[in-house]
Amino acid sequence: MSLRLLLKRFLVWFKGFVKANPGAMPILGFQGLLITCAVLLAFGMSETAEGLAVIAYFMLVAGVIIQLADYLRETRHGRAGA
């Protein structure tokens, strides 16, 4: 199987995943920023890492709120777990 086909399948899957989980993008952004903070700390850039960690935390909070709102909306319409 070619790399191009695998990448295309992954992108199709990822689009479906994000559509089904609207809070996924901020949560994935949080994870990326947290990894970046660890790298910055390893290079001794603690002030920058600290500021970035605050932004990462707010992205996590936003993602959780979006997921909670989506869950409540789905349960209100009787589609939970579908």
PDB file of N, CA and C in Angstrom:
ATOM      1  N   MET A   1       0.855  -1.176   0.000  1.00  0.00           N
ATOM      2  CA  MET A   1       0.000   0.000   0.000  1.00  0.00           C
ATOM      3  C   MET A   1       0.899   1.236   0.000  1.00  0.00           C
ATOM      4  N   SER A   2       0.589   2.177  -0.848  1.00  0.00           N
ATOM      5  CA  SER A   2       1.457   3.343  -0.991  1.00  0.00           C
ATOM      6  C   SER A   2       1.251   4.336   0.152  1.00  0.00           C
ATOM      7  N   LEU A   3       2.266   5.133   0.353  1.00  0.00           N
ATOM      8  CA  LEU A   3       2.211   6.152   1.402  1.00  0.00           C
ATOM      9  C   LEU A   3       1.110   7.164   1.114  1.00  0.00           C
ATOM     10  N   ARG A   4       0.933   7.503  -0.147  1.00  0.00           N
ATOM     11  CA  ARG A   4      -0.099   8.471  -0.527  1.00  0.00           C
ATOM     12  C   ARG A   4      -1.490   7.953  -0.152  1.00  0.00           C
ATOM     13  N   LEU A   5      -1.741   6.677  -0.403  1.00  0.00           N
ATOM     14  CA  LEU A   5      -3.036   6.087  -0.071  1.00  0.00           C
ATOM     15  C   LEU A   5      -3.242   6.035   1.444  1.00  0.00           C
ATOM     16  N   LEU A   6      -2.201   5.687   2.170  1.00  0.00           N
ATOM     17  CA  LEU A   6      -2.297   5.671   3.631  1.00  0.00           C
ATOM     18  C   LEU A   6      -2.580   7.060   4.187  1.00  0.00           C
ATOM     19  N   LEU A   7      -1.907   8.058   3.647  1.00  0.00           N
ATOM     20  CA  LEU A   7      -2.128   9.431   4.096  1.00  0.00           C
ATOM     21  C   LEU A   7      -3.547   9.883   3.782  1.00  0.00           C
ATOM     22  N   LYS A   8      -4.042   9.524   2.611  1.00  0.00           N
ATOM     23  CA  LYS A   8      -5.404   9.897   2.231  1.00  0.00           C
ATOM     24  C   LYS A   8      -6.417   9.240   3.168  1.00  0.00           C
ATOM     25  N   ARG A   9      -6.211   7.965   3.482  1.00  0.00           N
ATOM     26  CA  ARG A   9      -7.110   7.273   4.412  1.00  0.00           C
ATOM     27  C   ARG A   9      -7.069   7.906   5.799  1.00  0.00           C
ATOM     28  N   PHE A  10      -5.865   8.272   6.239  1.00  0.00           N
ATOM     29  CA  PHE A  10      -5.739   8.912   7.547  1.00  0.00           C
ATOM     30  C   PHE A  10      -6.479  10.246   7.572  1.00  0.00           C
ATOM     31  N   LEU A  11      -6.341  11.042   6.523  1.00  0.00           N
ATOM     32  CA  LEU A  11      -7.009  12.343   6.486  1.00  0.00           C
ATOM     33  C   LEU A  11      -8.524  12.194   6.482  1.00  0.00           C
ATOM     34  N   VAL A  12      -9.035  11.206   5.768  1.00  0.00           N
ATOM     35  CA  VAL A  12     -10.478  10.956   5.766  1.00  0.00           C
ATOM     36  C   VAL A  12     -10.932  10.560   7.165  1.00  0.00           C
ATOM     37  N   TRP A  13     -10.167   9.669   7.810  1.00  0.00           N
ATOM     38  CA  TRP A  13     -10.507   9.261   9.165  1.00  0.00           C
ATOM     39  C   TRP A  13     -10.446  10.447  10.128  1.00  0.00           C
ATOM     40  N   PHE A  14      -9.401  11.276  10.002  1.00  0.00           N
ATOM     41  CA  PHE A  14      -9.215  12.402  10.914  1.00  0.00           C
ATOM     42  C   PHE A  14     -10.345  13.416  10.772  1.00  0.00           C
ATOM     43  N   LYS A  15     -10.787  13.686   9.543  1.00  0.00           N
ATOM     44  CA  LYS A  15     -11.908  14.608   9.338  1.00  0.00           C
ATOM     45  C   LYS A  15     -13.167  14.086  10.017  1.00  0.00           C
ATOM     46  N   GLY A  16     -13.412  12.790   9.903  1.00  0.00           N
ATOM     47  CA  GLY A  16     -14.568  12.198  10.571  1.00  0.00           C
ATOM     48  C   GLY A  16     -14.449  12.264  12.082  1.00  0.00           C
ATOM     49  N   PHE A  17     -13.237  12.045  12.581  1.00  0.00           N
ATOM     50  CA  PHE A  17     -12.998  12.106  14.021  1.00  0.00           C
ATOM     51  C   PHE A  17     -13.267  13.505  14.562  1.00  0.00           C
ATOM     52  N   VAL A  18     -12.765  14.518  13.869  1.00  0.00           N
ATOM     53  CA  VAL A  18     -12.960  15.901  14.318  1.00  0.00           C
ATOM     54  C   VAL A  18     -14.429  16.292  14.218  1.00  0.00           C
ATOM     55  N   LYS A  19     -15.110  15.816  13.182  1.00  0.00           N
ATOM     56  CA  LYS A  19     -16.535  16.127  13.043  1.00  0.00           C
ATOM     57  C   LYS A  19     -17.340  15.487  14.175  1.00  0.00           C
ATOM     58  N   ALA A  20     -16.971  14.273  14.568  1.00  0.00           N
ATOM     59  CA  ALA A  20     -17.684  13.582  15.642  1.00  0.00           C
ATOM     60  C   ALA A  20     -17.301  14.107  17.024  1.00  0.00           C
ATOM     61  N   ASN A  21     -16.129  14.717  17.150  1.00  0.00           N
ATOM     62  CA  ASN A  21     -15.629  15.227  18.430  1.00  0.00           C
ATOM     63  C   ASN A  21     -15.210  16.684  18.257  1.00  0.00           C
ATOM     64  N   PRO A  22     -16.144  17.614  18.385  1.00  0.00           N
ATOM     65  CA  PRO A  22     -15.824  19.018  18.093  1.00  0.00           C
ATOM     66  C   PRO A  22     -14.764  19.632  19.007  1.00  0.00           C
ATOM     67  N   GLY A  23     -14.562  19.092  20.179  1.00  0.00           N
ATOM     68  CA  GLY A  23     -13.545  19.630  21.085  1.00  0.00           C
ATOM     69  C   GLY A  23     -12.172  19.033  20.864  1.00  0.00           C
ATOM     70  N   ALA A  24     -12.046  18.182  19.862  1.00  0.00           N
ATOM     71  CA  ALA A  24     -10.779  17.479  19.642  1.00  0.00           C
ATOM     72  C   ALA A  24      -9.642  18.420  19.240  1.00  0.00           C
ATOM     73  N   MET A  25      -9.919  19.390  18.403  1.00  0.00           N
ATOM     74  CA  MET A  25      -8.839  20.262  17.921  1.00  0.00           C
ATOM     75  C   MET A  25      -8.194  21.069  19.046  1.00  0.00           C
ATOM     76  N   PRO A  26      -8.975  21.720  19.931  1.00  0.00           N
ATOM     77  CA  PRO A  26      -8.306  22.415  21.041  1.00  0.00           C
ATOM     78  C   PRO A  26      -7.542  21.464  21.959  1.00  0.00           C
ATOM     79  N   ILE A  27      -8.057  20.258  22.159  1.00  0.00           N
ATOM     80  CA  ILE A  27      -7.366  19.302  23.027  1.00  0.00           C
ATOM     81  C   ILE A  27      -6.081  18.819  22.366  1.00  0.00           C
ATOM     82  N   LEU A  28      -6.111  18.573  21.063  1.00  0.00           N
ATOM     83  CA  LEU A  28      -4.886  18.207  20.347  1.00  0.00           C
ATOM     84  C   LEU A  28      -3.888  19.365  20.354  1.00  0.00           C
ATOM     85  N   GLY A  29      -4.404  20.597  20.241  1.00  0.00           N
ATOM     86  CA  GLY A  29      -3.536  21.768  20.339  1.00  0.00           C
ATOM     87  C   GLY A  29      -2.885  21.866  21.708  1.00  0.00           C
ATOM     88  N   PHE A  30      -3.657  21.553  22.749  1.00  0.00           N
ATOM     89  CA  PHE A  30      -3.115  21.529  24.110  1.00  0.00           C
ATOM     90  C   PHE A  30      -1.953  20.555  24.209  1.00  0.00           C
ATOM     91  N   GLN A  31      -2.133  19.363  23.658  1.00  0.00           N
ATOM     92  CA  GLN A  31      -1.079  18.349  23.730  1.00  0.00           C
ATOM     93  C   GLN A  31       0.172  18.798  22.985  1.00  0.00           C
ATOM     94  N   GLY A  32      -0.026  19.403  21.820  1.00  0.00           N
ATOM     95  CA  GLY A  32       1.122  19.901  21.063  1.00  0.00           C
ATOM     96  C   GLY A  32       1.862  21.007  21.803  1.00  0.00           C
ATOM     97  N   LEU A  33       1.102  21.923  22.403  1.00  0.00           N
ATOM     98  CA  LEU A  33       1.733  23.009  23.154  1.00  0.00           C
ATOM     99  C   LEU A  33       2.441  22.490  24.402  1.00  0.00           C
ATOM    100  N   LEU A  34       1.877  21.468  25.022  1.00  0.00           N
ATOM    101  CA  LEU A  34       2.516  20.902  26.207  1.00  0.00           C
ATOM    102  C   LEU A  34       3.853  20.253  25.855  1.00  0.00           C
ATOM    103  N   ILE A  35       3.903  19.569  24.726  1.00  0.00           N
ATOM    104  CA  ILE A  35       5.172  18.993  24.260  1.00  0.00           C
ATOM    105  C   ILE A  35       6.168  20.105  23.954  1.00  0.00           C
ATOM    106  N   THR A  36       5.678  21.179  23.328  1.00  0.00           N
ATOM    107  CA  THR A  36       6.541  22.323  23.033  1.00  0.00           C
ATOM    108  C   THR A  36       7.092  22.929  24.320  1.00  0.00           C
ATOM    109  N   CYS A  37       6.258  23.013  25.356  1.00  0.00           N
ATOM    110  CA  CYS A  37       6.714  23.535  26.652  1.00  0.00           C
ATOM    111  C   CYS A  37       7.835  22.680  27.222  1.00  0.00           C
ATOM    112  N   ALA A  38       7.711  21.370  27.099  1.00  0.00           N
ATOM    113  CA  ALA A  38       8.755  20.477  27.610  1.00  0.00           C
ATOM    114  C   ALA A  38      10.070  20.704  26.869  1.00  0.00           C
ATOM    115  N   VAL A  39       9.991  20.896  25.564  1.00  0.00           N
ATOM    116  CA  VAL A  39      11.203  21.152  24.769  1.00  0.00           C
ATOM    117  C   VAL A  39      11.814  22.490  25.170  1.00  0.00           C
ATOM    118  N   LEU A  40      10.969  23.508  25.336  1.00  0.00           N
ATOM    119  CA  LEU A  40      11.474  24.822  25.741  1.00  0.00           C
ATOM    120  C   LEU A  40      12.140  24.758  27.112  1.00  0.00           C
ATOM    121  N   LEU A  41      11.557  24.004  28.025  1.00  0.00           N
ATOM    122  CA  LEU A  41      12.176  23.845  29.344  1.00  0.00           C
ATOM    123  C   LEU A  41      13.525  23.146  29.239  1.00  0.00           C
ATOM    124  N   ALA A  42      13.627  22.184  28.343  1.00  0.00           N
ATOM    125  CA  ALA A  42      14.899  21.472  28.157  1.00  0.00           C
ATOM    126  C   ALA A  42      15.987  22.404  27.647  1.00  0.00           C
ATOM    127  N   PHE A  43      15.591  23.438  26.902  1.00  0.00           N
ATOM    128  CA  PHE A  43      16.556  24.412  26.393  1.00  0.00           C
ATOM    129  C   PHE A  43      16.723  25.612  27.324  1.00  0.00           C
ATOM    130  N   GLY A  44      16.131  25.550  28.511  1.00  0.00           N
ATOM    131  CA  GLY A  44      16.305  26.604  29.500  1.00  0.00           C
ATOM    132  C   GLY A  44      15.465  27.848  29.265  1.00  0.00           C
ATOM    133  N   MET A  45      14.433  27.741  28.467  1.00  0.00           N
ATOM    134  CA  MET A  45      13.570  28.890  28.168  1.00  0.00           C
ATOM    135  C   MET A  45      12.307  28.804  29.024  1.00  0.00           C
ATOM    136  N   SER A  46      12.497  28.891  30.337  1.00  0.00           N
ATOM    137  CA  SER A  46      11.393  28.640  31.262  1.00  0.00           C
ATOM    138  C   SER A  46      10.303  29.713  31.206  1.00  0.00           C
ATOM    139  N   GLU A  47      10.665  30.963  30.990  1.00  0.00           N
ATOM    140  CA  GLU A  47       9.647  32.019  30.939  1.00  0.00           C
ATOM    141  C   GLU A  47       8.727  31.836  29.742  1.00  0.00           C
ATOM    142  N   THR A  48       9.304  31.510  28.600  1.00  0.00           N
ATOM    143  CA  THR A  48       8.499  31.272  27.401  1.00  0.00           C
ATOM    144  C   THR A  48       7.628  30.038  27.592  1.00  0.00           C
ATOM    145  N   ALA A  49       8.195  28.990  28.171  1.00  0.00           N
ATOM    146  CA  ALA A  49       7.440  27.758  28.410  1.00  0.00           C
ATOM    147  C   ALA A  49       6.277  28.007  29.361  1.00  0.00           C
ATOM    148  N   GLU A  50       6.497  28.845  30.355  1.00  0.00           N
ATOM    149  CA  GLU A  50       5.442  29.139  31.319  1.00  0.00           C
ATOM    150  C   GLU A  50       4.282  29.874  30.653  1.00  0.00           C
ATOM    151  N   GLY A  51       4.585  30.847  29.821  1.00  0.00           N
ATOM    152  CA  GLY A  51       3.536  31.568  29.100  1.00  0.00           C
ATOM    153  C   GLY A  51       2.776  30.665  28.147  1.00  0.00           C
ATOM    154  N   LEU A  52       3.504  29.800  27.470  1.00  0.00           N
ATOM    155  CA  LEU A  52       2.879  28.868  26.539  1.00  0.00           C
ATOM    156  C   LEU A  52       2.023  27.842  27.283  1.00  0.00           C
ATOM    157  N   ALA A  53       2.444  27.470  28.479  1.00  0.00           N
ATOM    158  CA  ALA A  53       1.671  26.516  29.279  1.00  0.00           C
ATOM    159  C   ALA A  53       0.323  27.107  29.687  1.00  0.00           C
ATOM    160  N   VAL A  54       0.288  28.403  29.946  1.00  0.00           N
ATOM    161  CA  VAL A  54      -0.979  29.059  30.288  1.00  0.00           C
ATOM    162  C   VAL A  54      -1.928  29.002  29.094  1.00  0.00           C
ATOM    163  N   ILE A  55      -1.406  29.287  27.911  1.00  0.00           N
ATOM    164  CA  ILE A  55      -2.223  29.209  26.696  1.00  0.00           C
ATOM    165  C   ILE A  55      -2.708  27.775  26.484  1.00  0.00           C
ATOM    166  N   ALA A  56      -1.826  26.812  26.707  1.00  0.00           N
ATOM    167  CA  ALA A  56      -2.190  25.400  26.547  1.00  0.00           C
ATOM    168  C   ALA A  56      -3.319  25.025  27.503  1.00  0.00           C
ATOM    169  N   TYR A  57      -3.229  25.498  28.733  1.00  0.00           N
ATOM    170  CA  TYR A  57      -4.268  25.191  29.714  1.00  0.00           C
ATOM    171  C   TYR A  57      -5.616  25.729  29.255  1.00  0.00           C
ATOM    172  N   PHE A  58      -5.653  26.953  28.746  1.00  0.00           N
ATOM    173  CA  PHE A  58      -6.915  27.518  28.278  1.00  0.00           C
ATOM    174  C   PHE A  58      -7.457  26.757  27.070  1.00  0.00           C
ATOM    175  N   MET A  59      -6.568  26.238  26.227  1.00  0.00           N
ATOM    176  CA  MET A  59      -7.025  25.412  25.107  1.00  0.00           C
ATOM    177  C   MET A  59      -7.662  24.122  25.621  1.00  0.00           C
ATOM    178  N   LEU A  60      -7.081  23.540  26.655  1.00  0.00           N
ATOM    179  CA  LEU A  60      -7.655  22.332  27.242  1.00  0.00           C
ATOM    180  C   LEU A  60      -9.033  22.626  27.824  1.00  0.00           C
ATOM    181  N   VAL A  61      -9.152  23.717  28.549  1.00  0.00           N
ATOM    182  CA  VAL A  61     -10.441  24.097  29.130  1.00  0.00           C
ATOM    183  C   VAL A  61     -11.472  24.313  28.025  1.00  0.00           C
ATOM    184  N   ALA A  62     -11.084  25.003  26.958  1.00  0.00           N
ATOM    185  CA  ALA A  62     -12.002  25.236  25.840  1.00  0.00           C
ATOM    186  C   ALA A  62     -12.440  23.917  25.215  1.00  0.00           C
ATOM    187  N   GLY A  63     -11.510  23.007  25.017  1.00  0.00           N
ATOM    188  CA  GLY A  63     -11.849  21.716  24.428  1.00  0.00           C
ATOM    189  C   GLY A  63     -12.811  20.920  25.287  1.00  0.00           C
ATOM    190  N   VAL A  64     -12.589  20.927  26.592  1.00  0.00           N
ATOM    191  CA  VAL A  64     -13.474  20.193  27.501  1.00  0.00           C
ATOM    192  C   VAL A  64     -14.860  20.826  27.517  1.00  0.00           C
ATOM    193  N   ILE A  65     -14.936  22.143  27.519  1.00  0.00           N
ATOM    194  CA  ILE A  65     -16.237  22.820  27.501  1.00  0.00           C
ATOM    195  C   ILE A  65     -16.979  22.513  26.204  1.00  0.00           C
ATOM    196  N   ILE A  66     -16.278  22.525  25.085  1.00  0.00           N
ATOM    197  CA  ILE A  66     -16.908  22.203  23.800  1.00  0.00           C
ATOM    198  C   ILE A  66     -17.416  20.765  23.803  1.00  0.00           C
ATOM    199  N   GLN A  67     -16.600  19.834  24.307  1.00  0.00           N
ATOM    200  CA  GLN A  67     -17.026  18.431  24.366  1.00  0.00           C
ATOM    201  C   GLN A  67     -18.239  18.271  25.284  1.00  0.00           C
ATOM    202  N   LEU A  68     -18.238  18.960  26.425  1.00  0.00           N
ATOM    203  CA  LEU A  68     -19.362  18.882  27.354  1.00  0.00           C
ATOM    204  C   LEU A  68     -20.633  19.438  26.722  1.00  0.00           C
ATOM    205  N   ALA A  69     -20.522  20.575  26.049  1.00  0.00           N
ATOM    206  CA  ALA A  69     -21.684  21.165  25.388  1.00  0.00           C
ATOM    207  C   ALA A  69     -22.224  20.234  24.305  1.00  0.00           C
ATOM    208  N   ASP A  70     -21.337  19.610  23.550  1.00  0.00           N
ATOM    209  CA  ASP A  70     -21.768  18.674  22.511  1.00  0.00           C
ATOM    210  C   ASP A  70     -22.456  17.463  23.133  1.00  0.00           C
ATOM    211  N   TYR A  71     -21.904  16.958  24.223  1.00  0.00           N
ATOM    212  CA  TYR A  71     -22.513  15.811  24.911  1.00  0.00           C
ATOM    213  C   TYR A  71     -23.909  16.167  25.422  1.00  0.00           C
ATOM    214  N   LEU A  72     -24.040  17.334  26.049  1.00  0.00           N
ATOM    215  CA  LEU A  72     -25.343  17.750  26.567  1.00  0.00           C
ATOM    216  C   LEU A  72     -26.346  17.951  25.438  1.00  0.00           C
ATOM    217  N   ARG A  73     -25.887  18.502  24.328  1.00  0.00           N
ATOM    218  CA  ARG A  73     -26.766  18.692  23.172  1.00  0.00           C
ATOM    219  C   ARG A  73     -27.234  17.346  22.629  1.00  0.00           C
ATOM    220  N   GLU A  74     -26.325  16.386  22.541  1.00  0.00           N
ATOM    221  CA  GLU A  74     -26.691  15.064  22.025  1.00  0.00           C
ATOM    222  C   GLU A  74     -27.634  14.328  22.967  1.00  0.00           C
ATOM    223  N   THR A  75     -27.402  14.428  24.271  1.00  0.00           N
ATOM    224  CA  THR A  75     -28.295  13.736  25.204  1.00  0.00           C
ATOM    225  C   THR A  75     -29.671  14.386  25.217  1.00  0.00           C
ATOM    226  N   ARG A  76     -29.724  15.673  25.004  1.00  0.00           N
ATOM    227  CA  ARG A  76     -31.008  16.363  24.955  1.00  0.00           C
ATOM    228  C   ARG A  76     -31.820  15.912  23.743  1.00  0.00           C
ATOM    229  N   HIS A  77     -31.133  15.593  22.654  1.00  0.00           N
ATOM    230  CA  HIS A  77     -31.818  15.150  21.439  1.00  0.00           C
ATOM    231  C   HIS A  77     -31.881  13.631  21.338  1.00  0.00           C
ATOM    232  N   GLY A  78     -31.446  12.925  22.381  1.00  0.00           N
ATOM    233  CA  GLY A  78     -31.547  11.475  22.418  1.00  0.00           C
ATOM    234  C   GLY A  78     -30.584  10.740  21.517  1.00  0.00           C
ATOM    235  N   ARG A  79     -29.414  11.347  21.224  1.00  0.00           N
ATOM    236  CA  ARG A  79     -28.454  10.708  20.321  1.00  0.00           C
ATOM    237  C   ARG A  79     -27.177  10.302  21.036  1.00  0.00           C
ATOM    238  N   ALA A  80     -27.171  10.244  22.337  1.00  0.00           N
ATOM    239  CA  ALA A  80     -25.938   9.924  23.063  1.00  0.00           C
ATOM    240  C   ALA A  80     -25.499   8.504  22.753  1.00  0.00           C
ATOM    241  N   GLY A  81     -24.202   8.355  22.534  1.00  0.00           N
ATOM    242  CA  GLY A  81     -23.640   7.048  22.257  1.00  0.00           C
ATOM    243  C   GLY A  81     -23.824   6.569  20.834  1.00  0.00           C
ATOM    244  N   ALA A  82     -24.429   7.370  19.993  1.00  0.00           N
ATOM    245  CA  ALA A  82     -24.668   6.947  18.601  1.00  0.00           C
ATOM    246  C   ALA A  82     -23.503   7.239  17.712  1.00  0.00           C
TER     247      ALA A  82
END
